[in-house]
C-alpha atoms as a PDB file:
ATOM      1  CA  MET A   1     -68.145 -18.795   5.423  1.00  0.00           C
ATOM      2  CA  ARG A   2     -66.262 -15.625   4.651  1.00  0.00           C
ATOM      3  CA  ARG A   3     -64.232 -15.638   1.425  1.00  0.00           C
ATOM      4  CA  TYR A   4     -61.409 -13.238   0.731  1.00  0.00           C
ATOM      5  CA  LEU A   5     -61.430 -11.429  -2.597  1.00  0.00           C
ATOM      6  CA  VAL A   6     -57.818 -12.225  -3.437  1.00  0.00           C
ATOM      7  CA  LEU A   7     -56.200 -15.117  -5.207  1.00  0.00           C
ATOM      8  CA  GLY A   8     -54.970 -18.051  -3.161  1.00  0.00           C
ATOM      9  CA  ASP A   9     -51.509 -18.127  -1.716  1.00  0.00           C
ATOM     10  CA  GLU A  10     -49.184 -20.214  -3.893  1.00  0.00           C
ATOM     11  CA  THR A  11     -47.061 -21.243  -0.901  1.00  0.00           C
ATOM     12  CA  ALA A  12     -50.015 -23.205   0.513  1.00  0.00           C
ATOM     13  CA  ARG A  13     -49.712 -25.746  -2.369  1.00  0.00           C
ATOM     14  CA  HIS A  14     -53.168 -27.235  -1.806  1.00  0.00           C
ATOM     15  CA  PRO A  15     -56.586 -25.886  -2.833  1.00  0.00           C
ATOM     16  CA  PHE A  16     -58.062 -26.262   0.654  1.00  0.00           C
ATOM     17  CA  ARG A  17     -55.132 -24.518   2.320  1.00  0.00           C
ATOM     18  CA  GLN A  18     -55.278 -21.776  -0.298  1.00  0.00           C
ATOM     19  CA  SER A  19     -58.897 -21.143   0.630  1.00  0.00           C
ATOM     20  CA  LEU A  20     -58.046 -20.632   4.315  1.00  0.00           C
ATOM     21  CA  PRO A  21     -57.535 -17.106   5.628  1.00  0.00           C
ATOM     22  CA  PRO A  22     -53.914 -16.059   6.277  1.00  0.00           C
ATOM     23  CA  GLN A  23     -54.228 -16.002  10.076  1.00  0.00           C
ATOM     24  CA  VAL A  24     -55.293 -19.664  10.149  1.00  0.00           C
ATOM     25  CA  ARG A  25     -52.622 -20.792   7.705  1.00  0.00           C
ATOM     26  CA  LYS A  26     -49.929 -18.961   9.690  1.00  0.00           C
ATOM     27  CA  ASP A  27     -50.174 -21.496  12.544  1.00  0.00           C
ATOM     28  CA  VAL A  28     -49.905 -24.458  10.164  1.00  0.00           C
ATOM     29  CA  LEU A  29     -46.743 -23.143   8.545  1.00  0.00           C
ATOM     30  CA  ALA A  30     -45.153 -22.133  11.846  1.00  0.00           C
ATOM     31  CA  THR A  31     -44.887 -25.682  13.218  1.00  0.00           C
ATOM     32  CA  PRO A  32     -41.260 -26.804  13.007  1.00  0.00           C
ATOM     33  CA  SER A  33     -40.471 -30.010  11.228  1.00  0.00           C
ATOM     34  CA  PRO A  34     -38.000 -32.515  12.700  1.00  0.00           C
ATOM     35  CA  GLN A  35     -34.375 -31.778  11.938  1.00  0.00           C
ATOM     36  CA  SER A  36     -33.462 -35.231  10.697  1.00  0.00           C
ATOM     37  CA  TRP A  37     -35.037 -38.601  10.053  1.00  0.00           C
ATOM     38  CA  ARG A  38     -33.602 -39.912  13.322  1.00  0.00           C
ATOM     39  CA  GLU A  39     -35.611 -37.388  15.312  1.00  0.00           C
ATOM     40  CA  ALA A  40     -38.755 -38.358  13.433  1.00  0.00           C
ATOM     41  CA  LEU A  41     -38.224 -42.084  14.131  1.00  0.00           C
ATOM     42  CA  THR A  42     -37.473 -42.034  17.835  1.00  0.00           C
ATOM     43  CA  ILE A  43     -38.956 -45.048  19.603  1.00  0.00           C
ATOM     44  CA  THR A  44     -40.195 -44.477  23.121  1.00  0.00           C
ATOM     45  CA  ARG A  45     -40.957 -46.906  25.911  1.00  0.00           C
ATOM     46  CA  GLU A  46     -44.677 -46.464  25.243  1.00  0.00           C
ATOM     47  CA  ASP A  47     -44.176 -47.555  21.609  1.00  0.00           C
ATOM     48  CA  VAL A  48     -42.422 -50.757  22.676  1.00  0.00           C
ATOM     49  CA  ARG A  49     -45.039 -51.430  25.334  1.00  0.00           C
ATOM     50  CA  GLY A  50     -47.901 -50.950  22.861  1.00  0.00           C
ATOM     51  CA  PHE A  51     -46.275 -53.246  20.324  1.00  0.00           C
ATOM     52  CA  ALA A  52     -45.603 -55.949  22.926  1.00  0.00           C
ATOM     53  CA  THR A  53     -49.146 -55.730  24.271  1.00  0.00           C
ATOM     54  CA  SER A  54     -50.751 -56.074  20.855  1.00  0.00           C
ATOM     55  CA  TYR A  55     -48.357 -58.879  19.867  1.00  0.00           C
ATOM     56  CA  ILE A  56     -49.160 -60.895  23.003  1.00  0.00           C
ATOM     57  CA  ALA A  57     -52.904 -60.248  22.598  1.00  0.00           C
ATOM     58  CA  CYS A  58     -52.858 -61.496  18.996  1.00  0.00           C
ATOM     59  CA  LEU A  59     -50.750 -64.517  19.974  1.00  0.00           C
ATOM     60  CA  VAL A  60     -53.195 -65.441  22.738  1.00  0.00           C
ATOM     61  CA  ALA A  61     -56.157 -64.996  20.374  1.00  0.00           C
ATOM     62  CA  VAL A  62     -54.593 -67.288  17.735  1.00  0.00           C
ATOM     63  CA  ILE A  63     -53.693 -69.939  20.306  1.00  0.00           C
ATOM     64  CA  ALA A  64     -57.218 -69.792  21.768  1.00  0.00           C
ATOM     65  CA  PHE A  65     -58.692 -70.130  18.274  1.00  0.00           C
ATOM     66  CA  LEU A  66     -56.519 -73.176  17.479  1.00  0.00           C
ATOM     67  CA  PHE A  67     -57.304 -75.081  20.676  1.00  0.00           C
END
């Protein structure tokens, strides 16, 4: 593994990220974060479907175990 002969970047804030070369770390920092908490917590149809499927599967498993 190639190591650069400079000190780590303080904006990386983690020892592993500081050890990464600048061109790799550039992509990590370029990803935009959600604007608000509402955008981060959007619930899609697939989320509801997955929850309902796992709920029904657990319910059926408990009922089958009891009887």
